[in-house]
Amino acid sequence: MEINTAPPFGGSELLGFASSLIIVIGVIAILGWLYSRSRSFGGGSNDVINIVASRALGTRERLLLVEVADKQLLVGMTTTQVQTLHVFEKPVVEAPAVTEPSGFAGRLKTALLEMKR
């Protein structure tokens, strides 16, 4: 009875795996770049609804200050419902100037910061 002492992966398998990995990473980078380009053509900063402020109350509960049609609404949000808590006739807080992050790296950084809040 012979014992097979050959390694489980040879050079060609490792080369194929590495090239496949590089292709997948390249496709992800290209799709991210295309997504950021398509958002800039759509005029993403002309939204009618703006989230002025957000505060986490727990792991799944949030308070949002939303601006719509020159009014600000205090909204409570949980995993199962969204409820308007108060409508302010005059703005409580001025909406910050919306600056679009530049490129894929800026959008990724913004998304990571939002996840930390």
PDB file of N, CA and C in Angstrom:
ATOM      1  N   MET A   1       0.823  -1.163   0.000  1.00  0.00           N
ATOM      2  CA  MET A   1       0.000   0.000   0.000  1.00  0.00           C
ATOM      3  C   MET A   1       0.885   1.252   0.000  1.00  0.00           C
ATOM      4  N   GLU A   2       0.622   2.140  -0.946  1.00  0.00           N
ATOM      5  CA  GLU A   2       1.436   3.352  -1.079  1.00  0.00           C
ATOM      6  C   GLU A   2       0.785   4.522  -0.350  1.00  0.00           C
ATOM      7  N   ILE A   3       1.618   5.364   0.245  1.00  0.00           N
ATOM      8  CA  ILE A   3       1.140   6.562   0.914  1.00  0.00           C
ATOM      9  C   ILE A   3       1.449   7.745   0.006  1.00  0.00           C
ATOM     10  N   ASN A   4       0.414   8.542  -0.262  1.00  0.00           N
ATOM     11  CA  ASN A   4       0.572   9.711  -1.118  1.00  0.00           C
ATOM     12  C   ASN A   4       1.161  10.845  -0.288  1.00  0.00           C
ATOM     13  N   THR A   5       2.369  11.271  -0.628  1.00  0.00           N
ATOM     14  CA  THR A   5       3.049  12.342   0.110  1.00  0.00           C
ATOM     15  C   THR A   5       3.024  13.658  -0.657  1.00  0.00           C
ATOM     16  N   ALA A   6       2.250  13.749  -1.733  1.00  0.00           N
ATOM     17  CA  ALA A   6       2.166  14.990  -2.509  1.00  0.00           C
ATOM     18  C   ALA A   6       1.355  16.021  -1.713  1.00  0.00           C
ATOM     19  N   PRO A   7       1.746  17.299  -1.814  1.00  0.00           N
ATOM     20  CA  PRO A   7       0.992  18.338  -1.102  1.00  0.00           C
ATOM     21  C   PRO A   7      -0.425  18.444  -1.684  1.00  0.00           C
ATOM     22  N   PRO A   8      -1.407  18.849  -0.874  1.00  0.00           N
ATOM     23  CA  PRO A   8      -2.779  18.934  -1.368  1.00  0.00           C
ATOM     24  C   PRO A   8      -2.965  19.996  -2.443  1.00  0.00           C
ATOM     25  N   PHE A   9      -2.138  21.014  -2.417  1.00  0.00           N
ATOM     26  CA  PHE A   9      -2.219  22.055  -3.436  1.00  0.00           C
ATOM     27  C   PHE A   9      -0.887  22.171  -4.134  1.00  0.00           C
ATOM     28  N   GLY A  10      -0.952  22.176  -5.456  1.00  0.00           N
ATOM     29  CA  GLY A  10       0.260  22.363  -6.229  1.00  0.00           C
ATOM     30  C   GLY A  10       0.401  23.810  -6.640  1.00  0.00           C
ATOM     31  N   GLY A  11       1.403  24.106  -7.378  1.00  0.00           N
ATOM     32  CA  GLY A  11       1.662  25.473  -7.831  1.00  0.00           C
ATOM     33  C   GLY A  11       0.590  25.997  -8.759  1.00  0.00           C
ATOM     34  N   SER A  12       0.076  25.125  -9.641  1.00  0.00           N
ATOM     35  CA  SER A  12      -0.938  25.583 -10.584  1.00  0.00           C
ATOM     36  C   SER A  12      -2.257  25.892  -9.873  1.00  0.00           C
ATOM     37  N   GLU A  13      -2.626  25.092  -8.853  1.00  0.00           N
ATOM     38  CA  GLU A  13      -3.855  25.372  -8.115  1.00  0.00           C
ATOM     39  C   GLU A  13      -3.743  26.681  -7.338  1.00  0.00           C
ATOM     40  N   LEU A  14      -2.581  26.918  -6.746  1.00  0.00           N
ATOM     41  CA  LEU A  14      -2.367  28.141  -5.999  1.00  0.00           C
ATOM     42  C   LEU A  14      -2.379  29.364  -6.919  1.00  0.00           C
ATOM     43  N   LEU A  15      -1.812  29.243  -8.089  1.00  0.00           N
ATOM     44  CA  LEU A  15      -1.815  30.327  -9.066  1.00  0.00           C
ATOM     45  C   LEU A  15      -3.234  30.615  -9.543  1.00  0.00           C
ATOM     46  N   GLY A  16      -4.008  29.568  -9.782  1.00  0.00           N
ATOM     47  CA  GLY A  16      -5.399  29.748 -10.199  1.00  0.00           C
ATOM     48  C   GLY A  16      -6.232  30.416  -9.115  1.00  0.00           C
ATOM     49  N   PHE A  17      -6.020  30.014  -7.865  1.00  0.00           N
ATOM     50  CA  PHE A  17      -6.735  30.628  -6.744  1.00  0.00           C
ATOM     51  C   PHE A  17      -6.381  32.108  -6.616  1.00  0.00           C
ATOM     52  N   ALA A  18      -5.094  32.441  -6.690  1.00  0.00           N
ATOM     53  CA  ALA A  18      -4.653  33.831  -6.561  1.00  0.00           C
ATOM     54  C   ALA A  18      -5.197  34.699  -7.689  1.00  0.00           C
ATOM     55  N   SER A  19      -5.183  34.178  -8.915  1.00  0.00           N
ATOM     56  CA  SER A  19      -5.698  34.971 -10.034  1.00  0.00           C
ATOM     57  C   SER A  19      -7.210  35.165  -9.913  1.00  0.00           C
ATOM     58  N   SER A  20      -7.931  34.148  -9.442  1.00  0.00           N
ATOM     59  CA  SER A  20      -9.381  34.298  -9.238  1.00  0.00           C
ATOM     60  C   SER A  20      -9.668  35.340  -8.169  1.00  0.00           C
ATOM     61  N   LEU A  21      -8.883  35.326  -7.101  1.00  0.00           N
ATOM     62  CA  LEU A  21      -9.061  36.299  -6.033  1.00  0.00           C
ATOM     63  C   LEU A  21      -8.808  37.720  -6.530  1.00  0.00           C
ATOM     64  N   ILE A  22      -7.783  37.900  -7.330  1.00  0.00           N
ATOM     65  CA  ILE A  22      -7.475  39.224  -7.884  1.00  0.00           C
ATOM     66  C   ILE A  22      -8.601  39.691  -8.796  1.00  0.00           C
ATOM     67  N   ILE A  23      -9.170  38.801  -9.580  1.00  0.00           N
ATOM     68  CA  ILE A  23     -10.268  39.170 -10.476  1.00  0.00           C
ATOM     69  C   ILE A  23     -11.494  39.590  -9.674  1.00  0.00           C
ATOM     70  N   VAL A  24     -11.823  38.848  -8.620  1.00  0.00           N
ATOM     71  CA  VAL A  24     -12.992  39.183  -7.801  1.00  0.00           C
ATOM     72  C   VAL A  24     -12.805  40.539  -7.123  1.00  0.00           C
ATOM     73  N   ILE A  25     -11.628  40.804  -6.575  1.00  0.00           N
ATOM     74  CA  ILE A  25     -11.358  42.094  -5.938  1.00  0.00           C
ATOM     75  C   ILE A  25     -11.428  43.224  -6.968  1.00  0.00           C
ATOM     76  N   GLY A  26     -10.928  42.981  -8.162  1.00  0.00           N
ATOM     77  CA  GLY A  26     -11.008  43.981  -9.220  1.00  0.00           C
ATOM     78  C   GLY A  26     -12.441  44.283  -9.618  1.00  0.00           C
ATOM     79  N   VAL A  27     -13.268  43.255  -9.720  1.00  0.00           N
ATOM     80  CA  VAL A  27     -14.678  43.455 -10.077  1.00  0.00           C
ATOM     81  C   VAL A  27     -15.392  44.260  -8.994  1.00  0.00           C
ATOM     82  N   ILE A  28     -15.102  43.968  -7.717  1.00  0.00           N
ATOM     83  CA  ILE A  28     -15.721  44.719  -6.621  1.00  0.00           C
ATOM     84  C   ILE A  28     -15.306  46.189  -6.679  1.00  0.00           C
ATOM     85  N   ALA A  29     -14.030  46.450  -6.929  1.00  0.00           N
ATOM     86  CA  ALA A  29     -13.546  47.831  -7.019  1.00  0.00           C
ATOM     87  C   ALA A  29     -14.197  48.566  -8.196  1.00  0.00           C
ATOM     88  N   ILE A  30     -14.320  47.914  -9.335  1.00  0.00           N
ATOM     89  CA  ILE A  30     -14.941  48.542 -10.511  1.00  0.00           C
ATOM     90  C   ILE A  30     -16.412  48.824 -10.256  1.00  0.00           C
ATOM     91  N   LEU A  31     -17.124  47.876  -9.635  1.00  0.00           N
ATOM     92  CA  LEU A  31     -18.540  48.101  -9.337  1.00  0.00           C
ATOM     93  C   LEU A  31     -18.728  49.241  -8.334  1.00  0.00           C
ATOM     94  N   GLY A  32     -17.840  49.353  -7.351  1.00  0.00           N
ATOM     95  CA  GLY A  32     -17.903  50.468  -6.416  1.00  0.00           C
ATOM     96  C   GLY A  32     -17.673  51.796  -7.111  1.00  0.00           C
ATOM     97  N   TRP A  33     -16.732  51.839  -8.023  1.00  0.00           N
ATOM     98  CA  TRP A  33     -16.457  53.062  -8.768  1.00  0.00           C
ATOM     99  C   TRP A  33     -17.649  53.431  -9.651  1.00  0.00           C
ATOM    100  N   LEU A  34     -18.237  52.447 -10.333  1.00  0.00           N
ATOM    101  CA  LEU A  34     -19.403  52.711 -11.175  1.00  0.00           C
ATOM    102  C   LEU A  34     -20.586  53.190 -10.346  1.00  0.00           C
ATOM    103  N   TYR A  35     -20.762  52.625  -9.155  1.00  0.00           N
ATOM    104  CA  TYR A  35     -21.849  53.054  -8.281  1.00  0.00           C
ATOM    105  C   TYR A  35     -21.659  54.512  -7.870  1.00  0.00           C
ATOM    106  N   SER A  36     -20.458  54.887  -7.495  1.00  0.00           N
ATOM    107  CA  SER A  36     -20.225  56.275  -7.088  1.00  0.00           C
ATOM    108  C   SER A  36     -20.407  57.229  -8.265  1.00  0.00           C
ATOM    109  N   ARG A  37     -20.051  56.809  -9.459  1.00  0.00           N
ATOM    110  CA  ARG A  37     -20.258  57.640 -10.645  1.00  0.00           C
ATOM    111  C   ARG A  37     -21.737  57.802 -10.950  1.00  0.00           C
ATOM    112  N   SER A  38     -22.509  56.748 -10.815  1.00  0.00           N
ATOM    113  CA  SER A  38     -23.938  56.831 -11.133  1.00  0.00           C
ATOM    114  C   SER A  38     -24.666  57.699 -10.113  1.00  0.00           C
ATOM    115  N   ARG A  39     -24.234  57.729  -8.850  1.00  0.00           N
ATOM    116  CA  ARG A  39     -24.860  58.573  -7.844  1.00  0.00           C
ATOM    117  C   ARG A  39     -24.576  60.048  -8.118  1.00  0.00           C
ATOM    118  N   SER A  40     -23.407  60.366  -8.649  1.00  0.00           N
ATOM    119  CA  SER A  40     -23.092  61.768  -8.901  1.00  0.00           C
ATOM    120  C   SER A  40     -23.888  62.320 -10.074  1.00  0.00           C
ATOM    121  N   PHE A  41     -24.269  61.468 -11.031  1.00  0.00           N
ATOM    122  CA  PHE A  41     -25.075  61.936 -12.150  1.00  0.00           C
ATOM    123  C   PHE A  41     -26.532  62.113 -11.761  1.00  0.00           C
ATOM    124  N   GLY A  42     -26.992  61.397 -10.750  1.00  0.00           N
ATOM    125  CA  GLY A  42     -28.390  61.461 -10.340  1.00  0.00           C
ATOM    126  C   GLY A  42     -28.726  62.662  -9.481  1.00  0.00           C
ATOM    127  N   GLY A  43     -27.747  63.427  -9.056  1.00  0.00           N
ATOM    128  CA  GLY A  43     -28.016  64.585  -8.213  1.00  0.00           C
ATOM    129  C   GLY A  43     -28.514  64.173  -6.844  1.00  0.00           C
ATOM    130  N   GLY A  44     -27.758  63.332  -6.143  1.00  0.00           N
ATOM    131  CA  GLY A  44     -28.186  62.772  -4.877  1.00  0.00           C
ATOM    132  C   GLY A  44     -28.374  63.792  -3.770  1.00  0.00           C
ATOM    133  N   SER A  45     -27.855  65.030  -3.898  1.00  0.00           N
ATOM    134  CA  SER A  45     -27.967  66.004  -2.817  1.00  0.00           C
ATOM    135  C   SER A  45     -29.249  66.818  -2.892  1.00  0.00           C
ATOM    136  N   ASN A  46     -30.110  66.591  -3.881  1.00  0.00           N
ATOM    137  CA  ASN A  46     -31.358  67.335  -4.033  1.00  0.00           C
ATOM    138  C   ASN A  46     -32.526  66.598  -3.392  1.00  0.00           C
ATOM    139  N   ASP A  47     -32.291  65.952  -2.270  1.00  0.00           N
ATOM    140  CA  ASP A  47     -33.344  65.197  -1.611  1.00  0.00           C
ATOM    141  C   ASP A  47     -34.348  66.135  -0.972  1.00  0.00           C
ATOM    142  N   VAL A  48     -35.606  65.708  -0.926  1.00  0.00           N
ATOM    143  CA  VAL A  48     -36.670  66.468  -0.298  1.00  0.00           C
ATOM    144  C   VAL A  48     -36.688  66.193   1.199  1.00  0.00           C
ATOM    145  N   ILE A  49     -36.276  64.986   1.578  1.00  0.00           N
ATOM    146  CA  ILE A  49     -36.256  64.575   2.974  1.00  0.00           C
ATOM    147  C   ILE A  49     -34.807  64.531   3.441  1.00  0.00           C
ATOM    148  N   ASN A  50     -34.514  65.253   4.529  1.00  0.00           N
ATOM    149  CA  ASN A  50     -33.155  65.271   5.074  1.00  0.00           C
ATOM    150  C   ASN A  50     -33.178  64.829   6.522  1.00  0.00           C
ATOM    151  N   ILE A  51     -32.252  63.972   6.897  1.00  0.00           N
ATOM    152  CA  ILE A  51     -32.077  63.608   8.297  1.00  0.00           C
ATOM    153  C   ILE A  51     -31.099  64.605   8.894  1.00  0.00           C
ATOM    154  N   VAL A  52     -31.607  65.453   9.778  1.00  0.00           N
ATOM    155  CA  VAL A  52     -30.809  66.525  10.360  1.00  0.00           C
ATOM    156  C   VAL A  52     -29.943  65.994  11.494  1.00  0.00           C
ATOM    157  N   ALA A  53     -30.536  65.141  12.344  1.00  0.00           N
ATOM    158  CA  ALA A  53     -29.800  64.583  13.474  1.00  0.00           C
ATOM    159  C   ALA A  53     -30.316  63.186  13.771  1.00  0.00           C
ATOM    160  N   SER A  54     -29.456  62.388  14.379  1.00  0.00           N
ATOM    161  CA  SER A  54     -29.810  61.011  14.715  1.00  0.00           C
ATOM    162  C   SER A  54     -29.166  60.659  16.045  1.00  0.00           C
ATOM    163  N   ARG A  55     -29.891  59.925  16.876  1.00  0.00           N
ATOM    164  CA  ARG A  55     -29.361  59.517  18.181  1.00  0.00           C
ATOM    165  C   ARG A  55     -29.802  58.092  18.458  1.00  0.00           C
ATOM    166  N   ALA A  56     -28.848  57.233  18.771  1.00  0.00           N
ATOM    167  CA  ALA A  56     -29.159  55.855  19.137  1.00  0.00           C
ATOM    168  C   ALA A  56     -29.605  55.830  20.592  1.00  0.00           C
ATOM    169  N   LEU A  57     -30.746  55.173  20.843  1.00  0.00           N
ATOM    170  CA  LEU A  57     -31.255  55.041  22.207  1.00  0.00           C
ATOM    171  C   LEU A  57     -30.921  53.677  22.796  1.00  0.00           C
ATOM    172  N   GLY A  58     -30.715  52.731  21.951  1.00  0.00           N
ATOM    173  CA  GLY A  58     -30.377  51.374  22.355  1.00  0.00           C
ATOM    174  C   GLY A  58     -29.755  50.676  21.164  1.00  0.00           C
ATOM    175  N   THR A  59     -29.739  49.363  21.209  1.00  0.00           N
ATOM    176  CA  THR A  59     -29.129  48.636  20.088  1.00  0.00           C
ATOM    177  C   THR A  59     -29.976  48.702  18.830  1.00  0.00           C
ATOM    178  N   ARG A  60     -31.313  48.854  18.998  1.00  0.00           N
ATOM    179  CA  ARG A  60     -32.190  48.860  17.823  1.00  0.00           C
ATOM    180  C   ARG A  60     -33.183  50.014  17.819  1.00  0.00           C
ATOM    181  N   GLU A  61     -33.041  50.948  18.724  1.00  0.00           N
ATOM    182  CA  GLU A  61     -33.950  52.080  18.799  1.00  0.00           C
ATOM    183  C   GLU A  61     -33.191  53.359  18.487  1.00  0.00           C
ATOM    184  N   ARG A  62     -33.842  54.247  17.721  1.00  0.00           N
ATOM    185  CA  ARG A  62     -33.204  55.507  17.334  1.00  0.00           C
ATOM    186  C   ARG A  62     -34.217  56.642  17.390  1.00  0.00           C
ATOM    187  N   LEU A  63     -33.708  57.840  17.620  1.00  0.00           N
ATOM    188  CA  LEU A  63     -34.467  59.066  17.444  1.00  0.00           C
ATOM    189  C   LEU A  63     -33.898  59.779  16.230  1.00  0.00           C
ATOM    190  N   LEU A  64     -34.771  60.252  15.357  1.00  0.00           N
ATOM    191  CA  LEU A  64     -34.329  60.974  14.170  1.00  0.00           C
ATOM    192  C   LEU A  64     -35.013  62.327  14.128  1.00  0.00           C
ATOM    193  N   LEU A  65     -34.266  63.344  13.770  1.00  0.00           N
ATOM    194  CA  LEU A  65     -34.838  64.655  13.490  1.00  0.00           C
ATOM    195  C   LEU A  65     -34.807  64.799  11.977  1.00  0.00           C
ATOM    196  N   VAL A  66     -36.003  64.768  11.377  1.00  0.00           N
ATOM    197  CA  VAL A  66     -36.142  64.729   9.922  1.00  0.00           C
ATOM    198  C   VAL A  66     -36.732  66.055   9.455  1.00  0.00           C
ATOM    199  N   GLU A  67     -36.178  66.608   8.369  1.00  0.00           N
ATOM    200  CA  GLU A  67     -36.685  67.859   7.816  1.00  0.00           C
ATOM    201  C   GLU A  67     -37.407  67.574   6.500  1.00  0.00           C
ATOM    202  N   VAL A  68     -38.679  68.009   6.447  1.00  0.00           N
ATOM    203  CA  VAL A  68     -39.504  67.837   5.249  1.00  0.00           C
ATOM    204  C   VAL A  68     -40.335  69.103   5.079  1.00  0.00           C
ATOM    205  N   ALA A  69     -40.267  69.720   3.914  1.00  0.00           N
ATOM    206  CA  ALA A  69     -41.090  70.887   3.565  1.00  0.00           C
ATOM    207  C   ALA A  69     -41.024  71.977   4.642  1.00  0.00           C
ATOM    208  N   ASP A  70     -39.830  72.380   5.012  1.00  0.00           N
ATOM    209  CA  ASP A  70     -39.583  73.450   5.985  1.00  0.00           C
ATOM    210  C   ASP A  70     -40.130  73.153   7.371  1.00  0.00           C
ATOM    211  N   LYS A  71     -40.417  71.902   7.669  1.00  0.00           N
ATOM    212  CA  LYS A  71     -40.814  71.482   9.007  1.00  0.00           C
ATOM    213  C   LYS A  71     -39.873  70.383   9.462  1.00  0.00           C
ATOM    214  N   GLN A  72     -39.660  70.320  10.762  1.00  0.00           N
ATOM    215  CA  GLN A  72     -38.834  69.256  11.314  1.00  0.00           C
ATOM    216  C   GLN A  72     -39.701  68.346  12.165  1.00  0.00           C
ATOM    217  N   LEU A  73     -39.483  67.041  12.012  1.00  0.00           N
ATOM    218  CA  LEU A  73     -40.248  66.034  12.729  1.00  0.00           C
ATOM    219  C   LEU A  73     -39.301  65.226  13.599  1.00  0.00           C
ATOM    220  N   LEU A  74     -39.719  64.986  14.825  1.00  0.00           N
ATOM    221  CA  LEU A  74     -38.987  64.091  15.704  1.00  0.00           C
ATOM    222  C   LEU A  74     -39.620  62.713  15.543  1.00  0.00           C
ATOM    223  N   VAL A  75     -38.831  61.753  15.097  1.00  0.00           N
ATOM    224  CA  VAL A  75     -39.340  60.429  14.754  1.00  0.00           C
ATOM    225  C   VAL A  75     -38.638  59.396  15.626  1.00  0.00           C
ATOM    226  N   GLY A  76     -39.426  58.504  16.210  1.00  0.00           N
ATOM    227  CA  GLY A  76     -38.885  57.371  16.948  1.00  0.00           C
ATOM    228  C   GLY A  76     -38.916  56.147  16.050  1.00  0.00           C
ATOM    229  N   MET A  77     -37.827  55.406  16.037  1.00  0.00           N
ATOM    230  CA  MET A  77     -37.731  54.272  15.123  1.00  0.00           C
ATOM    231  C   MET A  77     -37.232  53.054  15.892  1.00  0.00           C
ATOM    232  N   THR A  78     -37.968  51.943  15.751  1.00  0.00           N
ATOM    233  CA  THR A  78     -37.550  50.661  16.307  1.00  0.00           C
ATOM    234  C   THR A  78     -37.492  49.658  15.162  1.00  0.00           C
ATOM    235  N   THR A  79     -37.222  48.412  15.496  1.00  0.00           N
ATOM    236  CA  THR A  79     -37.157  47.396  14.439  1.00  0.00           C
ATOM    237  C   THR A  79     -38.530  47.086  13.860  1.00  0.00           C
ATOM    238  N   THR A  80     -39.597  47.375  14.604  1.00  0.00           N
ATOM    239  CA  THR A  80     -40.931  47.010  14.130  1.00  0.00           C
ATOM    240  C   THR A  80     -41.808  48.184  13.758  1.00  0.00           C
ATOM    241  N   GLN A  81     -41.451  49.409  14.157  1.00  0.00           N
ATOM    242  CA  GLN A  81     -42.310  50.539  13.817  1.00  0.00           C
ATOM    243  C   GLN A  81     -41.539  51.843  13.755  1.00  0.00           C
ATOM    244  N   VAL A  82     -42.159  52.810  13.078  1.00  0.00           N
ATOM    245  CA  VAL A  82     -41.667  54.183  12.995  1.00  0.00           C
ATOM    246  C   VAL A  82     -42.834  55.069  13.408  1.00  0.00           C
ATOM    247  N   GLN A  83     -42.594  55.995  14.337  1.00  0.00           N
ATOM    248  CA  GLN A  83     -43.679  56.813  14.859  1.00  0.00           C
ATOM    249  C   GLN A  83     -43.230  58.260  14.972  1.00  0.00           C
ATOM    250  N   THR A  84     -44.082  59.183  14.517  1.00  0.00           N
ATOM    251  CA  THR A  84     -43.812  60.608  14.673  1.00  0.00           C
ATOM    252  C   THR A  84     -44.114  60.999  16.107  1.00  0.00           C
ATOM    253  N   LEU A  85     -43.116  61.560  16.791  1.00  0.00           N
ATOM    254  CA  LEU A  85     -43.290  61.944  18.181  1.00  0.00           C
ATOM    255  C   LEU A  85     -43.698  63.405  18.333  1.00  0.00           C
ATOM    256  N   HIS A  86     -43.163  64.271  17.459  1.00  0.00           N
ATOM    257  CA  HIS A  86     -43.490  65.692  17.529  1.00  0.00           C
ATOM    258  C   HIS A  86     -43.175  66.350  16.185  1.00  0.00           C
ATOM    259  N   VAL A  87     -43.979  67.359  15.836  1.00  0.00           N
ATOM    260  CA  VAL A  87     -43.735  68.143  14.621  1.00  0.00           C
ATOM    261  C   VAL A  87     -43.414  69.569  15.051  1.00  0.00           C
ATOM    262  N   PHE A  88     -42.241  70.049  14.674  1.00  0.00           N
ATOM    263  CA  PHE A  88     -41.817  71.401  15.002  1.00  0.00           C
ATOM    264  C   PHE A  88     -42.161  72.323  13.841  1.00  0.00           C
ATOM    265  N   GLU A  89     -42.855  73.418  14.120  1.00  0.00           N
ATOM    266  CA  GLU A  89     -43.214  74.378  13.080  1.00  0.00           C
ATOM    267  C   GLU A  89     -41.986  75.179  12.626  1.00  0.00           C
ATOM    268  N   LYS A  90     -41.134  75.531  13.596  1.00  0.00           N
ATOM    269  CA  LYS A  90     -39.902  76.249  13.293  1.00  0.00           C
ATOM    270  C   LYS A  90     -38.742  75.271  13.445  1.00  0.00           C
ATOM    271  N   PRO A  91     -37.716  75.406  12.619  1.00  0.00           N
ATOM    272  CA  PRO A  91     -36.574  74.489  12.729  1.00  0.00           C
ATOM    273  C   PRO A  91     -35.902  74.577  14.089  1.00  0.00           C
ATOM    274  N   VAL A  92     -35.654  73.439  14.694  1.00  0.00           N
ATOM    275  CA  VAL A  92     -34.960  73.362  15.972  1.00  0.00           C
ATOM    276  C   VAL A  92     -33.458  73.455  15.735  1.00  0.00           C
ATOM    277  N   VAL A  93     -33.004  72.755  14.714  1.00  0.00           N
ATOM    278  CA  VAL A  93     -31.592  72.711  14.356  1.00  0.00           C
ATOM    279  C   VAL A  93     -31.488  72.958  12.868  1.00  0.00           C
ATOM    280  N   GLU A  94     -30.527  73.762  12.472  1.00  0.00           N
ATOM    281  CA  GLU A  94     -30.291  73.983  11.054  1.00  0.00           C
ATOM    282  C   GLU A  94     -29.676  72.733  10.438  1.00  0.00           C
ATOM    283  N   ALA A  95     -30.141  72.364   9.274  1.00  0.00           N
ATOM    284  CA  ALA A  95     -29.604  71.189   8.583  1.00  0.00           C
ATOM    285  C   ALA A  95     -28.168  71.476   8.163  1.00  0.00           C
ATOM    286  N   PRO A  96     -27.253  70.551   8.421  1.00  0.00           N
ATOM    287  CA  PRO A  96     -25.865  70.768   8.004  1.00  0.00           C
ATOM    288  C   PRO A  96     -25.764  70.745   6.483  1.00  0.00           C
ATOM    289  N   ALA A  97     -24.785  71.457   5.985  1.00  0.00           N
ATOM    290  CA  ALA A  97     -24.562  71.454   4.543  1.00  0.00           C
ATOM    291  C   ALA A  97     -24.160  70.062   4.113  1.00  0.00           C
ATOM    292  N   VAL A  98     -24.855  69.552   3.101  1.00  0.00           N
ATOM    293  CA  VAL A  98     -24.599  68.193   2.630  1.00  0.00           C
ATOM    294  C   VAL A  98     -23.415  68.223   1.680  1.00  0.00           C
ATOM    295  N   THR A  99     -22.374  67.511   2.039  1.00  0.00           N
ATOM    296  CA  THR A  99     -21.222  67.387   1.165  1.00  0.00           C
ATOM    297  C   THR A  99     -21.085  65.925   0.782  1.00  0.00           C
ATOM    298  N   GLU A 100     -21.107  65.670  -0.486  1.00  0.00           N
ATOM    299  CA  GLU A 100     -20.984  64.308  -0.983  1.00  0.00           C
ATOM    300  C   GLU A 100     -19.535  63.854  -0.839  1.00  0.00           C
ATOM    301  N   PRO A 101     -19.314  62.673  -0.273  1.00  0.00           N
ATOM    302  CA  PRO A 101     -17.948  62.168  -0.194  1.00  0.00           C
ATOM    303  C   PRO A 101     -17.417  61.884  -1.594  1.00  0.00           C
ATOM    304  N   SER A 102     -16.144  62.132  -1.770  1.00  0.00           N
ATOM    305  CA  SER A 102     -15.570  61.959  -3.094  1.00  0.00           C
ATOM    306  C   SER A 102     -15.105  60.518  -3.285  1.00  0.00           C
ATOM    307  N   GLY A 103     -15.631  59.872  -4.291  1.00  0.00           N
ATOM    308  CA  GLY A 103     -15.175  58.546  -4.668  1.00  0.00           C
ATOM    309  C   GLY A 103     -15.609  57.441  -3.727  1.00  0.00           C
ATOM    310  N   PHE A 104     -15.170  56.264  -4.039  1.00  0.00           N
ATOM    311  CA  PHE A 104     -15.539  55.063  -3.294  1.00  0.00           C
ATOM    312  C   PHE A 104     -14.971  55.088  -1.880  1.00  0.00           C
ATOM    313  N   ALA A 105     -13.758  55.571  -1.723  1.00  0.00           N
ATOM    314  CA  ALA A 105     -13.127  55.600  -0.402  1.00  0.00           C
ATOM    315  C   ALA A 105     -13.892  56.519   0.547  1.00  0.00           C
ATOM    316  N   GLY A 106     -14.331  57.662   0.062  1.00  0.00           N
ATOM    317  CA  GLY A 106     -15.093  58.586   0.899  1.00  0.00           C
ATOM    318  C   GLY A 106     -16.439  58.006   1.305  1.00  0.00           C
ATOM    319  N   ARG A 107     -17.115  57.343   0.377  1.00  0.00           N
ATOM    320  CA  ARG A 107     -18.402  56.720   0.694  1.00  0.00           C
ATOM    321  C   ARG A 107     -18.226  55.587   1.697  1.00  0.00           C
ATOM    322  N   LEU A 108     -17.164  54.805   1.547  1.00  0.00           N
ATOM    323  CA  LEU A 108     -16.907  53.715   2.478  1.00  0.00           C
ATOM    324  C   LEU A 108     -16.626  54.265   3.872  1.00  0.00           C
ATOM    325  N   LYS A 109     -15.848  55.345   3.956  1.00  0.00           N
ATOM    326  CA  LYS A 109     -15.540  55.954   5.244  1.00  0.00           C
ATOM    327  C   LYS A 109     -16.807  56.490   5.906  1.00  0.00           C
ATOM    328  N   THR A 110     -17.681  57.131   5.138  1.00  0.00           N
ATOM    329  CA  THR A 110     -18.936  57.648   5.662  1.00  0.00           C
ATOM    330  C   THR A 110     -19.818  56.509   6.164  1.00  0.00           C
ATOM    331  N   ALA A 111     -19.890  55.413   5.412  1.00  0.00           N
ATOM    332  CA  ALA A 111     -20.712  54.271   5.826  1.00  0.00           C
ATOM    333  C   ALA A 111     -20.180  53.664   7.114  1.00  0.00           C
ATOM    334  N   LEU A 112     -18.873  53.561   7.252  1.00  0.00           N
ATOM    335  CA  LEU A 112     -18.289  53.005   8.474  1.00  0.00           C
ATOM    336  C   LEU A 112     -18.543  53.918   9.668  1.00  0.00           C
ATOM    337  N   LEU A 113     -18.488  55.223   9.466  1.00  0.00           N
ATOM    338  CA  LEU A 113     -18.773  56.156  10.558  1.00  0.00           C
ATOM    339  C   LEU A 113     -20.228  56.055  10.987  1.00  0.00           C
ATOM    340  N   GLU A 114     -21.145  55.891  10.028  1.00  0.00           N
ATOM    341  CA  GLU A 114     -22.563  55.745  10.350  1.00  0.00           C
ATOM    342  C   GLU A 114     -22.833  54.463  11.132  1.00  0.00           C
ATOM    343  N   MET A 115     -22.072  53.405  10.842  1.00  0.00           N
ATOM    344  CA  MET A 115     -22.259  52.144  11.540  1.00  0.00           C
ATOM    345  C   MET A 115     -21.808  52.261  12.997  1.00  0.00           C
ATOM    346  N   LYS A 116     -20.823  53.120  13.268  1.00  0.00           N
ATOM    347  CA  LYS A 116     -20.302  53.276  14.632  1.00  0.00           C
ATOM    348  C   LYS A 116     -21.265  54.052  15.519  1.00  0.00           C
ATOM    349  N   ARG A 117     -22.126  54.890  14.928  1.00  0.00           N
ATOM    350  CA  ARG A 117     -23.044  55.720  15.721  1.00  0.00           C
ATOM    351  C   ARG A 117     -24.061  54.916  16.420  1.00  0.00           C
TER     352      ARG A 117
END
